[in-house]
Protein backbone atom coordinates (compact mmCIF):
# COMPACT_ATOMS: atom_id res chain seq x y z
CA MET A 1 4.92 44.34 -23.05
CA HIS A 2 5.31 47.92 -21.80
CA ARG A 3 7.99 49.91 -23.62
CA SER A 4 9.21 53.32 -22.35
CA ILE A 5 9.61 55.98 -25.00
CA GLY A 6 13.22 56.60 -26.02
CA ARG A 7 14.62 53.68 -24.03
CA LEU A 8 15.44 50.11 -25.02
CA TYR A 9 15.05 47.48 -22.27
CA CYS A 10 16.92 44.17 -22.00
CA VAL A 11 16.16 41.21 -19.74
CA THR A 12 17.99 38.20 -18.34
CA ALA A 13 16.73 35.40 -16.11
CA GLY A 14 16.43 36.45 -12.48
CA LYS A 15 17.34 40.10 -13.20
CA GLU A 16 15.06 43.10 -13.34
CA LEU A 17 14.76 45.00 -16.60
CA GLN A 18 17.61 47.43 -16.98
CA PRO A 19 18.06 50.28 -19.44
CA THR A 20 21.21 50.23 -21.54
CA ASP A 21 22.20 53.87 -21.39
CA GLY A 22 25.56 54.66 -19.79
CA SER A 23 24.45 56.14 -16.48
CA SER A 24 22.03 53.32 -15.63
CA TYR A 25 24.59 50.77 -16.80
CA PHE A 26 27.05 52.17 -14.26
CA GLY A 27 24.52 51.39 -11.54
CA LEU A 28 24.11 47.86 -12.89
CA LEU A 29 27.88 47.30 -12.62
CA LYS A 30 27.74 47.93 -8.89
CA SER A 31 25.16 45.17 -8.40
CA ALA A 32 26.35 42.69 -11.06
CA THR A 33 26.74 39.10 -9.84
CA ASP A 34 27.87 37.48 -13.09
CA ALA A 35 30.34 38.49 -15.79
CA LYS A 36 27.64 37.62 -18.32
CA GLU A 37 25.51 40.52 -17.13
CA VAL A 38 28.35 42.98 -17.62
CA LEU A 39 28.64 42.01 -21.29
CA GLU A 40 24.97 41.50 -22.15
CA PHE A 41 23.90 44.88 -20.77
CA LEU A 42 26.80 46.74 -22.39
CA PRO A 43 25.48 49.93 -24.09
CA THR A 44 25.70 50.08 -27.87
CA ILE A 45 28.86 51.68 -29.21
CA SER A 46 28.60 55.20 -30.52
CA ARG A 47 31.75 56.99 -31.66
CA THR A 48 30.20 60.32 -30.74
CA LYS A 49 28.88 59.18 -27.36
CA GLN A 50 30.23 61.56 -24.72
CA ASP A 51 29.55 59.41 -21.64
CA ARG A 52 31.40 56.33 -22.89
CA HIS A 53 34.12 56.95 -20.32
CA VAL A 54 31.51 56.51 -17.56
CA TYR A 55 31.24 52.77 -18.18
CA THR A 56 34.27 51.67 -20.21
CA LEU A 57 36.83 51.28 -17.43
CA PRO A 58 34.28 50.31 -14.73
CA ALA A 59 32.94 47.55 -17.00
CA LEU A 60 36.41 46.15 -17.54
CA LYS A 61 37.23 46.32 -13.82
CA THR A 62 33.95 44.65 -12.86
CA LEU A 63 34.61 41.84 -15.35
CA PHE A 64 38.02 41.33 -13.77
CA GLU A 65 36.70 41.22 -10.19
CA LEU A 66 33.88 38.81 -11.02
CA GLN A 67 36.12 36.54 -13.04
CA LYS A 68 38.94 36.61 -10.48
CA ASN A 69 36.50 35.70 -7.68
CA GLY A 70 34.90 32.89 -9.69
CA LYS A 71 31.57 34.71 -10.00
CA SER A 72 30.96 33.98 -13.64
CA THR A 73 29.10 31.44 -15.69
CA LEU A 74 31.52 32.20 -18.53
CA ARG A 75 35.09 30.95 -18.75
CA SER A 76 37.78 33.44 -19.77
CA GLU A 77 37.97 32.00 -23.30
CA GLN A 78 34.16 32.42 -23.62
CA ILE A 79 34.44 36.05 -22.56
CA LEU A 80 37.09 36.65 -25.24
CA LYS A 81 34.77 35.18 -27.92
CA HIS A 82 31.71 37.14 -26.73
CA PRO A 83 30.77 39.74 -29.38
CA ARG A 84 30.11 42.40 -26.74
CA PHE A 85 33.61 41.94 -25.33
CA ALA A 86 35.05 42.98 -28.70
CA GLU A 87 32.88 46.10 -28.47
CA LEU A 88 34.14 46.78 -24.96
CA CYS A 89 37.74 46.53 -26.18
CA GLN A 90 36.87 48.90 -28.99
CA ASN A 91 35.51 51.38 -26.45
CA VAL A 92 38.69 51.01 -24.37
CA ARG A 93 40.75 51.74 -27.49
CA PHE A 94 38.71 54.88 -28.24
CA GLU A 95 39.07 56.14 -24.68
CA SER A 96 42.67 55.02 -24.03
CA ARG A 97 44.29 58.20 -25.32
CA THR A 98 42.74 60.06 -22.39
CA PHE A 99 43.91 57.48 -19.81
CA MET A 100 46.47 58.30 -17.17
CA MET A 101 49.29 55.82 -16.52
CA ASN A 102 47.35 54.14 -13.69
CA ASP A 103 44.45 53.42 -16.05
CA LEU A 104 46.74 52.11 -18.78
CA THR A 105 48.49 49.68 -16.46
CA GLU A 106 45.15 48.60 -14.95
CA CYS A 107 43.72 47.83 -18.41
CA LEU A 108 46.87 45.95 -19.36
CA LYS A 109 46.61 43.86 -16.18
CA ILE A 110 42.95 42.97 -16.76
CA LEU A 111 43.32 42.07 -20.43
CA THR A 112 46.40 39.98 -19.63
CA PHE A 113 44.46 38.18 -16.88
CA LEU A 114 41.62 37.40 -19.31
CA GLY A 115 44.10 36.04 -21.83
CA VAL A 116 43.92 38.67 -24.60
CA HIS A 117 46.74 37.96 -27.06
CA THR A 118 49.83 40.18 -26.86
CA ASN A 119 49.68 40.96 -30.59
CA SER A 120 46.01 41.99 -30.54
CA GLU A 121 45.11 45.55 -31.54
CA ILE A 122 43.99 46.63 -28.06
CA MET A 123 47.14 45.27 -26.34
CA THR A 124 49.40 46.89 -28.94
CA VAL A 125 47.65 50.23 -28.46
CA LEU A 126 48.03 50.05 -24.65
CA LEU A 127 51.70 49.07 -24.86
CA GLN A 128 52.39 51.87 -27.37
CA LEU A 129 50.70 54.42 -25.11
CA ILE A 130 52.76 53.24 -22.13
CA ARG A 131 55.91 53.61 -24.23
CA HIS A 132 54.92 57.13 -25.29
CA GLN A 133 54.17 58.09 -21.67
CA ILE A 134 57.24 56.37 -20.26
CA ASN A 135 58.31 59.53 -18.42
CA ASP A 136 55.12 59.28 -16.33
CA VAL A 137 56.06 55.82 -15.07
CA THR A 138 56.68 55.86 -11.30
CA LEU A 139 58.67 53.39 -9.20
CA ASP A 140 55.41 51.61 -8.32
CA HIS A 141 54.52 51.39 -12.02
CA ILE A 142 57.94 49.88 -12.77
CA VAL A 143 57.33 47.00 -10.38
CA PHE A 144 53.76 46.48 -11.59
CA LEU A 145 54.63 46.63 -15.28
CA SER A 146 57.52 44.23 -14.84
CA PHE A 147 55.12 41.70 -13.33
CA ILE A 148 52.65 42.09 -16.23
CA LEU A 149 55.24 42.08 -19.01
CA LYS A 150 56.60 38.72 -17.83
CA LYS A 151 53.20 37.21 -18.62
CA LEU A 152 53.12 38.51 -22.20
CA ASP A 153 54.58 36.94 -25.31
CA ARG A 154 57.98 38.24 -26.37
CA THR A 155 57.50 40.95 -28.97
CA PRO A 156 59.80 43.84 -29.92
CA LEU A 157 57.51 46.23 -28.06
CA VAL A 158 57.38 44.10 -24.90
CA GLU A 159 61.16 43.62 -24.96
CA ALA A 160 61.75 47.35 -25.44
CA LEU A 161 59.68 48.11 -22.33
CA GLN A 162 61.45 45.38 -20.35
CA ILE A 163 64.80 46.96 -21.22
CA ALA A 164 63.54 50.44 -20.36
CA LEU A 165 62.21 49.63 -16.86
CA PRO A 166 65.56 48.96 -15.09
CA MET A 167 67.00 52.07 -16.75
CA LEU A 168 64.07 54.13 -15.51
CA LEU A 169 64.54 52.78 -12.01
CA GLN A 170 68.19 53.80 -11.99
CA ILE A 171 67.20 57.33 -13.01
CA GLN A 172 64.39 57.71 -10.49
CA ILE A 173 65.69 55.82 -7.46
CA GLY A 174 67.78 58.67 -6.12
CA TYR A 175 64.97 61.24 -5.88
CA LYS A 176 61.66 59.33 -6.00
CA LEU A 177 62.36 56.56 -3.47
CA ASP A 178 59.95 56.75 -0.54
CA HIS A 179 62.19 55.74 2.38
CA GLU A 180 59.19 55.35 4.70
CA ASN A 181 57.19 53.05 2.43
CA VAL A 182 58.32 49.57 3.50
CA GLN A 183 56.04 47.78 1.04
CA GLN A 184 57.46 49.74 -1.89
CA LEU A 185 61.00 49.08 -0.71
CA VAL A 186 60.34 45.32 -0.53
CA GLU A 187 58.78 45.29 -4.00
CA LEU A 188 61.70 47.25 -5.43
CA LEU A 189 64.14 44.84 -3.78
CA GLU A 190 62.31 41.98 -5.51
CA PHE A 191 62.53 43.85 -8.82
CA VAL A 192 66.27 44.53 -8.64
CA SER A 193 66.96 40.92 -7.63
CA HIS A 194 65.67 39.88 -11.07
CA HIS A 195 67.04 42.75 -13.18
CA LYS A 196 70.45 44.09 -13.95
CA VAL A 197 70.81 47.48 -12.26
CA ASN A 198 73.85 49.25 -10.87
CA ASP A 199 75.10 48.59 -7.34
CA ARG A 200 74.24 52.13 -6.26
CA SER A 201 70.55 51.61 -7.01
CA VAL A 202 70.49 48.32 -5.10
CA MET A 203 72.33 49.92 -2.20
CA ASN A 204 69.77 52.74 -2.00
CA ILE A 205 66.97 50.21 -1.56
CA VAL A 206 68.91 47.94 0.81
CA SER A 207 70.01 50.86 3.01
CA ALA A 208 66.50 52.30 3.24
CA LEU A 209 65.05 48.92 4.15
CA THR A 210 67.82 48.18 6.65
CA LEU A 211 67.02 51.38 8.55
CA HIS A 212 63.56 49.99 9.34
CA GLY A 213 65.25 47.32 11.48
CA THR A 214 62.76 44.57 12.32
CA ASN A 215 59.70 46.77 11.74
CA LEU A 216 58.49 44.67 8.83
CA SER A 217 55.49 42.39 8.58
CA PRO A 218 56.33 38.67 8.32
CA GLU A 219 55.07 38.67 4.70
CA GLN A 220 57.34 41.59 3.85
CA ALA A 221 60.26 39.87 5.54
CA ILE A 222 59.74 36.63 3.68
CA ASN A 223 59.45 38.41 0.31
CA ALA A 224 62.57 40.44 1.03
CA LEU A 225 64.40 37.25 2.04
CA LYS A 226 63.40 35.59 -1.24
CA ALA A 227 64.68 38.66 -3.08
CA LEU A 228 68.05 38.67 -1.29
CA SER A 229 68.50 34.97 -2.00
CA GLY A 230 68.15 35.82 -5.70
CA PHE A 231 71.25 38.05 -5.75
CA HIS A 232 74.25 36.46 -7.43
CA ALA A 233 76.63 39.01 -5.95
CA PHE A 234 75.99 39.48 -2.23
CA LEU A 235 77.85 42.44 -0.79
CA PRO A 236 78.84 42.64 2.90
CA GLN A 237 76.63 45.75 3.19
CA TYR A 238 73.54 43.56 2.66
CA GLU A 239 74.21 41.32 5.65
CA LYS A 240 72.59 43.54 8.28
CA LEU A 241 69.34 43.53 6.33
CA LEU A 242 69.55 39.74 5.99
CA GLN A 243 69.96 39.35 9.76
CA ASN A 244 67.02 41.72 10.37
CA LEU A 245 64.83 39.58 8.13
CA PHE A 246 65.79 36.39 9.94
CA ALA A 247 64.98 38.11 13.25
CA VAL A 248 61.50 39.13 12.00
CA LEU A 249 60.76 35.61 10.84
CA GLU A 250 62.00 34.01 14.04
CA ARG A 251 59.62 36.30 15.90
CA ASP A 252 56.57 36.12 13.62
CA LEU A 253 56.90 32.87 11.67
CA ASP A 254 53.64 31.53 13.09
CA GLN A 255 51.76 34.13 11.03
CA ILE A 256 53.10 32.77 7.73
CA PRO A 257 51.34 30.01 5.72
CA PHE A 258 53.39 26.84 5.32
CA LYS A 259 53.60 27.18 1.53
CA MET A 260 55.42 30.51 1.86
CA ILE A 261 57.85 29.01 4.38
CA ASP A 262 58.41 26.00 2.14
CA TYR A 263 59.19 28.23 -0.84
CA VAL A 264 61.61 30.49 1.00
CA LEU A 265 63.39 27.46 2.50
CA LYS A 266 63.91 26.11 -1.00
CA LYS A 267 65.35 29.44 -2.15
CA LEU A 268 67.71 29.62 0.83
CA LEU A 269 68.90 26.02 0.77
CA ASP A 270 69.41 26.04 -2.99
CA LYS A 271 72.23 28.51 -2.34
CA ASN A 272 75.73 27.06 -2.24
CA LEU A 273 76.44 27.69 1.43
CA ASP A 274 80.19 27.39 0.88
CA TYR A 275 79.99 30.53 -1.27
CA TYR A 276 77.08 32.16 0.56
CA PRO A 277 77.52 31.18 4.23
CA MET A 278 75.48 34.19 5.36
CA PHE A 279 72.29 32.44 4.20
CA TYR A 280 72.77 29.67 6.74
CA ASN A 281 70.92 30.75 9.88
CA GLU A 282 70.64 27.92 12.39
CA ALA A 283 68.10 29.67 14.61
CA PHE A 284 65.78 30.29 11.64
CA LEU A 285 66.00 26.68 10.46
CA LYS A 286 65.23 25.42 13.97
CA ARG A 287 62.27 27.78 14.07
CA CYS A 288 60.98 26.38 10.77
CA ALA A 289 61.29 22.81 12.06
CA GLN A 290 59.48 23.73 15.25
CA TYR A 291 56.76 25.44 13.17
CA ALA A 292 56.15 22.09 11.43
CA ILE A 293 55.58 20.40 14.78
CA ASP A 294 53.58 23.19 16.44
CA HIS A 295 51.26 23.61 13.44
CA ASP A 296 50.97 19.85 12.86
CA ILE A 297 51.57 20.30 9.14
CA GLY A 298 51.17 16.60 8.34
CA LEU A 299 53.52 13.89 7.12
CA LEU A 300 53.91 14.97 3.48
CA ASN A 301 54.60 18.62 4.34
CA ALA A 302 57.06 17.52 7.03
CA LEU A 303 58.85 15.43 4.40
CA TYR A 304 59.04 18.45 2.06
CA MET A 305 60.83 20.28 4.86
CA LEU A 306 63.05 17.32 5.76
CA LYS A 307 64.13 16.95 2.12
CA LYS A 308 65.44 20.51 2.17
CA PHE A 309 67.22 19.94 5.50
CA ASN A 310 68.77 16.74 4.11
CA LYS A 311 70.33 18.77 1.30
CA ILE A 312 72.61 20.58 3.77
CA SER A 313 72.64 17.82 6.43
CA PHE A 314 70.77 19.93 8.97
CA LEU A 315 69.56 17.76 11.86
CA HIS A 316 66.46 18.38 13.93
CA VAL A 317 65.59 15.35 16.04
CA PRO A 318 62.11 16.59 17.15
CA LEU A 319 61.15 16.87 13.45
CA LEU A 320 62.30 13.27 12.93
CA ASP A 321 60.23 12.25 15.97
CA TYR A 322 57.23 14.04 14.45
CA ILE A 323 57.70 12.05 11.23
CA ALA A 324 58.20 8.84 13.24
CA ALA A 325 54.85 9.46 14.94
CA HIS A 326 53.23 8.99 11.49
CA ALA A 327 54.71 5.50 11.03
CA ASP A 328 51.27 4.09 10.21
CA LYS A 329 51.14 6.26 7.05
CA LEU A 330 54.57 5.39 5.62
CA SER A 331 53.14 2.71 3.35
CA ILE A 332 51.11 5.26 1.37
CA ILE A 333 53.70 7.97 0.81
CA PRO A 334 55.32 8.32 -2.64
CA THR A 335 58.71 6.88 -3.56
CA SER A 336 60.41 10.25 -3.08
CA GLY A 337 59.10 10.30 0.50
CA ILE A 338 60.78 6.96 1.32
CA ILE A 339 64.09 8.28 -0.04
CA THR A 340 63.69 11.43 2.08
CA ILE A 341 62.94 9.46 5.25
CA VAL A 342 65.89 7.12 4.72
CA ALA A 343 68.22 10.07 4.11
CA GLY A 344 66.85 11.97 7.11
CA PHE A 345 67.31 9.21 9.68
CA SER A 346 70.64 8.17 8.15
CA ASN A 347 71.98 11.74 8.19
CA ALA A 348 71.05 12.04 11.85
CA ASN A 349 72.29 8.51 12.63
CA TYR A 350 69.20 8.44 14.82
CA ARG A 351 66.72 5.78 15.93
CA PRO A 352 63.46 6.98 17.56
CA GLY A 353 61.59 4.97 20.19
CA ASN A 354 59.37 3.23 17.62
CA TRP A 355 62.29 2.53 15.28
CA GLU A 356 61.48 -1.15 14.76
CA ARG A 357 58.05 -0.22 13.39
CA ILE A 358 59.53 2.45 11.13
CA LYS A 359 62.34 0.15 10.01
CA GLU A 360 59.79 -2.50 9.09
CA GLU A 361 57.77 0.00 7.02
CA ILE A 362 60.86 1.36 5.28
CA ALA A 363 62.15 -2.15 4.53
CA ARG A 364 58.79 -3.07 3.00
CA ASN A 365 58.90 -0.08 0.63
CA THR A 366 62.62 0.16 -0.18
CA THR A 367 62.73 -1.48 -3.60
CA ILE A 368 63.05 1.66 -5.71
CA THR A 369 64.47 1.20 -9.20
CA THR A 370 63.65 4.60 -10.68
CA GLY A 371 66.56 5.58 -12.90
CA SER A 372 66.87 9.13 -11.57
CA ILE A 373 67.51 8.29 -7.90
CA PRO A 374 71.01 8.57 -6.34
CA TRP A 375 71.09 4.78 -6.12
CA ILE A 376 74.54 4.26 -4.54
CA ARG A 377 73.96 6.80 -1.78
CA TYR A 378 70.44 5.45 -1.20
CA ASN A 379 71.76 1.90 -0.73
CA LEU A 380 74.50 3.14 1.62
CA GLU A 381 71.94 5.07 3.68
CA LEU A 382 69.73 1.98 3.93
CA LEU A 383 72.68 -0.09 5.12
CA SER A 384 73.60 2.60 7.65
CA LEU A 385 70.14 2.02 9.11
CA ASP A 386 70.85 -1.74 9.07
CA ILE A 387 68.28 -2.31 6.32
CA LEU A 388 69.54 -4.88 3.82
CA ASN A 389 67.56 -5.35 0.63
CA PRO A 390 69.36 -8.02 -1.46
CA GLN A 391 66.84 -7.67 -4.32
CA LEU A 392 67.48 -3.93 -4.58
CA LEU A 393 71.27 -4.34 -4.38
CA SER A 394 71.26 -7.10 -7.00
CA TYR A 395 69.23 -4.88 -9.32
CA TRP A 396 71.58 -1.90 -9.10
CA LEU A 397 74.83 -3.92 -8.91
CA ASP A 398 73.97 -6.10 -11.90
CA PRO A 399 77.06 -5.71 -14.15
CA HIS A 400 75.10 -4.26 -17.08
CA ALA A 401 73.12 -1.84 -14.90
CA GLN A 402 76.29 -0.91 -13.03
CA ASP A 403 78.18 -0.11 -16.24
CA ALA A 404 75.27 1.91 -17.62
CA ASN A 405 74.95 3.95 -14.43
CA MET A 406 78.69 4.53 -14.03
CA ALA A 407 79.02 5.74 -17.62
CA ARG A 408 78.42 9.33 -16.52
CA ASN A 409 81.92 9.21 -14.96
CA VAL A 410 81.23 11.24 -11.80
CA LEU A 411 83.95 11.24 -9.13
CA VAL A 412 81.63 10.81 -6.15
CA ASP A 413 80.06 7.72 -7.76
CA TYR A 414 83.40 5.89 -7.71
CA LEU A 415 84.03 6.77 -4.06
CA GLN A 416 80.53 5.79 -2.91
CA LEU A 417 80.47 2.59 -4.98
CA SER A 418 83.73 1.52 -3.35
CA GLU A 419 82.21 2.22 0.09
CA LEU A 420 79.19 0.12 -0.85
CA GLY A 421 81.42 -2.80 -1.78
CA GLN A 422 83.38 -2.46 1.48
CA THR A 423 80.15 -2.46 3.50
CA LEU A 424 78.76 -5.56 1.79
CA SER A 425 81.98 -7.57 1.96
CA LEU A 426 82.95 -6.67 5.52
CA LEU A 427 79.60 -6.31 7.30
CA TYR A 428 77.05 -8.32 5.28
CA SER A 429 79.01 -11.08 3.55
CA GLY A 430 76.97 -13.77 5.30
CA GLN A 431 73.62 -12.22 4.30
CA TYR A 432 74.30 -10.92 0.79
CA GLN A 433 75.15 -13.27 -2.07
CA GLY A 434 74.56 -10.98 -5.04
CA PRO A 435 76.91 -9.07 -7.40
CA TYR A 436 79.52 -6.61 -6.08
CA PRO A 437 81.01 -3.39 -7.47
CA ALA A 438 83.27 -4.14 -10.44
CA LYS A 439 87.00 -4.18 -9.72
CA GLN A 440 87.81 -1.38 -12.18
CA TYR A 441 85.52 1.04 -10.34
CA VAL A 442 87.09 0.23 -6.98
CA GLU A 443 90.57 0.73 -8.48
CA LYS A 444 89.46 4.08 -9.94
CA SER A 445 88.24 5.11 -6.47
CA VAL A 446 91.61 4.21 -4.92
CA MET A 447 93.44 6.15 -7.62
CA LEU A 448 91.29 9.23 -7.01
CA LEU A 449 91.80 9.08 -3.24
CA LEU A 450 95.57 8.71 -3.60
CA GLN A 451 95.64 12.00 -5.51
CA ASN A 452 94.81 13.86 -2.31
CA ASN A 453 97.95 15.60 -1.05
CA ASP A 454 96.29 17.57 1.73
CA HIS A 455 97.20 15.97 5.08
CA PRO A 456 96.87 18.56 7.88
CA LEU A 457 97.32 15.91 10.59
CA LEU A 458 100.57 14.45 9.24
CA LYS A 459 103.10 16.72 10.92
CA PRO A 460 101.21 16.87 14.24
CA LEU A 461 100.96 13.05 14.30
CA GLU A 462 104.66 12.69 13.56
CA PHE A 463 105.39 15.08 16.42
CA ALA A 464 102.96 13.30 18.75
CA PHE A 465 104.23 9.75 18.15
CA GLY A 466 107.98 9.98 17.66
CA GLY A 467 108.64 11.10 14.09
CA ALA A 468 107.92 10.42 10.41
CA GLU A 469 109.04 6.79 10.64
CA TYR A 470 106.09 5.99 12.94
CA VAL A 471 103.27 7.34 10.76
CA SER A 472 102.16 5.63 7.55
CA THR A 473 100.11 7.85 5.23
CA GLN A 474 97.53 6.82 2.62
CA VAL A 475 97.43 3.13 3.47
CA VAL A 476 95.43 1.05 0.99
CA THR A 477 93.34 -2.00 1.96
CA GLU A 478 92.31 -4.92 -0.21
CA GLN A 479 88.71 -3.65 -0.09
CA GLY A 480 89.66 -0.24 -1.48
CA HIS A 481 89.95 1.93 1.64
CA VAL A 482 92.58 4.64 1.56
CA LEU A 483 93.31 5.36 5.22
CA ASP A 484 94.73 8.85 5.86
CA HIS A 485 97.21 7.73 8.51
CA VAL A 486 97.95 4.46 10.30
CA ILE A 487 100.08 4.06 13.43
CA VAL A 488 101.20 0.61 14.56
CA PHE A 489 101.50 -0.10 18.30
CA ASN A 490 103.19 -3.08 19.97
CA ALA A 491 101.73 -5.13 22.81
CA ASP A 492 103.03 -2.58 25.33
CA GLY A 493 101.23 0.27 23.59
CA ASN A 494 104.34 1.85 22.10
CA PRO A 495 104.49 3.08 18.50
CA VAL A 496 106.37 0.83 16.09
CA LYS A 497 108.57 2.10 13.28
CA LYS A 498 107.48 1.44 9.70
CA CYS A 499 109.23 -1.57 8.19
CA VAL A 500 107.99 -1.03 4.64
CA PRO A 501 109.58 0.88 1.74
CA SER A 502 108.87 4.58 2.03
CA GLU A 503 109.98 5.68 -1.42
CA GLU A 504 108.11 8.70 -2.65
CA GLY A 505 105.11 7.68 -4.75
CA SER A 506 105.04 4.07 -3.50
CA THR A 507 101.76 2.72 -2.15
CA ILE A 508 101.66 1.34 1.40
CA ARG A 509 99.33 -1.62 1.76
CA LEU A 510 97.66 -2.55 5.02
CA GLU A 511 99.00 -6.10 4.78
CA ASP A 512 102.56 -4.74 4.83
CA LEU A 513 101.92 -3.13 8.24
CA ARG A 514 100.30 -6.07 9.98
CA GLN A 515 102.53 -8.02 12.39
CA PRO A 516 101.54 -10.58 15.07
CA GLU A 517 100.80 -8.95 18.43
CA ASN A 518 100.75 -5.46 16.92
CA LYS A 519 97.69 -3.22 16.91
CA LEU A 520 96.76 -0.64 14.30
CA VAL A 521 95.01 2.70 14.69
CA ALA A 522 93.76 4.63 11.63
CA ILE A 523 93.48 8.40 12.05
CA LEU A 524 91.11 9.95 9.54
CA TYR A 525 90.67 13.66 8.85
CA LEU A 526 87.09 13.62 7.56
CA PRO A 527 85.67 16.52 5.51
CA LYS A 528 82.99 18.77 6.99
CA SER A 529 80.47 17.14 4.65
CA CYS A 530 80.75 13.91 6.67
CA TYR A 531 79.18 15.69 9.65
CA ALA A 532 75.84 17.35 10.27
CA ILE A 533 76.01 21.07 9.59
CA ASN A 534 74.59 22.10 12.98
CA VAL A 535 76.04 19.46 15.33
CA ASN A 536 79.40 17.71 15.35
CA ARG A 537 77.83 14.35 14.62
CA LEU A 538 78.95 11.87 11.97
CA ARG A 539 76.28 11.18 9.42
CA GLY A 540 75.15 7.56 9.19
CA ARG A 541 76.98 6.73 5.96
CA PHE A 542 80.29 7.82 7.40
CA ALA A 543 79.71 6.12 10.74
CA LEU A 544 79.11 3.00 8.62
CA HIS A 545 82.45 3.61 6.87
CA LEU A 546 84.20 3.56 10.26
CA LYS A 547 82.51 0.23 11.03
CA THR A 548 84.04 -1.28 7.89
CA ILE A 549 87.48 -0.16 9.11
CA GLN A 550 86.77 -1.69 12.52
CA ALA A 551 85.83 -4.92 10.76
CA LEU A 552 89.42 -5.05 9.47
CA GLY A 553 90.65 -5.15 13.05
CA ILE A 554 91.75 -1.51 13.00
CA ALA A 555 90.68 1.12 15.51
CA PRO A 556 89.46 4.20 13.57
CA VAL A 557 89.79 7.74 14.93
CA ALA A 558 87.71 10.35 13.10
CA ILE A 559 88.95 13.92 13.50
CA SER A 560 86.41 16.64 12.77
CA PRO A 561 87.86 19.61 10.84
CA VAL A 562 85.64 21.96 12.88
CA ILE A 563 87.01 20.70 16.20
CA TRP A 564 90.56 20.68 14.86
CA ALA A 565 90.30 24.25 13.58
CA ASN A 566 88.93 25.47 16.91
CA LEU A 567 91.63 23.83 19.04
CA PRO A 568 94.38 26.13 20.36
CA GLU A 569 97.77 25.18 18.94
CA SER A 570 98.98 24.06 22.37
CA GLU A 571 96.15 21.52 22.69
CA ARG A 572 96.37 19.84 19.30
CA ILE A 573 99.14 17.34 20.04
CA PRO A 574 97.64 16.22 23.40
CA PHE A 575 94.26 15.92 21.67
CA LEU A 576 95.63 13.57 19.00
CA GLN A 577 97.45 11.52 21.63
CA ARG A 578 94.30 11.16 23.78
CA GLU A 579 92.04 10.21 20.86
CA THR A 580 94.55 7.68 19.52
CA ARG A 581 95.20 6.10 22.94
CA GLU A 582 91.46 5.86 23.61
CA ALA A 583 90.93 4.04 20.29
CA LEU A 584 93.83 1.73 21.11
CA ARG A 585 92.25 0.83 24.47
CA GLN A 586 89.06 -0.19 22.68
CA LEU A 587 91.05 -2.80 20.72
CA THR A 588 92.15 -4.61 23.89
């Protein structure tokens, strides 16, 4: 074998002979196709070697690129155990004192990616150098370092740097912020959404970004939207930026991958919209639903979106039609998908053209006994779709199972369980022969409902129908309904005075109001949660509740709080009179 004087040659399969001196090694790095080559051709360490800096950082960066792009026959853990990798880290340590901040953060990123332990010598050296050069850290470094430090184990050194970064940002933001650099502004907004900084610093970033209007890329808009949704305190001054971001995404949503849309929807709809109403943007949600249809995202992805919409009762009928078009696949979707579909169609109180096929598929897959599901609501939603599953009901209403599930003592469980009993006894008594909600839970529901002292319709109804003696409030039925207000009419359609005791605190029972030839109308002021958030449409469960009242021979009138609030004062009394008279006509 030919050997050149003064040079040592190495060989690997499929690779030409390469010298191991620094300058030639640098050329090898440019053509390397496997991380193994980078390590096996690494020049021998020499503490006095002057050209070590020529290959140290490039070798580390090449390893990172090859490994990140999957161009390596070695796994990351194999790289860490490779003897030449230890030598490379030693070289990095020798050279690191000459590194600028960019090089330090780059090395930290690469070693973190490869899985080098936080407490290792090389990582400790890099972190110490960053701490010593903390005054050289720029706003871009702050964002980058924050990202890296989150991936490291908690050590005193890591924690000290994490504490220092927000403080540094507050110092630098006033004079180092690049108002024209949208990408930096977005990244800084993401940083401050996860760190405690003063309002002035946040306002600097928000104001600078707001001035760019809708001149953001869709990716920048979606990242900024995620950041804003992370703020616990949302100041009115942020709202213009929020609206700009929604406008960008309405315009350019088609350029965003579905996974990004799905994630940002989760962030938005996890917000309590009663406290953060600014995050509800109907046009944006409609655009997301239309995206699902236009991009044909598939049944499972459509269900991910529908599940989020269900959380706030947002209705989008074309999305439900898109899901209905996949009826042939319903039998293979997971349990959570069935629950989502049932909730979606029940919330909308909607039946598509192929409903019988969908109903059949749902009915076949409804028996879900997983302990974590909202079982009472799920059964009510099934019944609102006219899907009766006696086996499922008997499982959940078994006295032992019922007691175990009600032990958590949650208010809404009592109310919904009472509704379930009302539905079964009044609408399905001929078809269902299984156990019913226990009496003590129904009584607890009645007691809770009677504690409500907020009756905004009481005085208007008294004015509309002749006075307090004509309106009975909080009327209790044998099945456990508590009807907000009941007015009795005679055969001629005239209101009838109450003939029951009206002592304060006494309960009025429905049976006390019934008289031959008389007709009863129940006027209910239903909470906003009973309606879809984007249309004034009763959700299926609550439409079902009205049917149980009808089954008692009473005409129910549901008054939407949104409609009531928007009525001029002069129109409220005539409105109540019209709605009540119309319900009365339906009894004849």
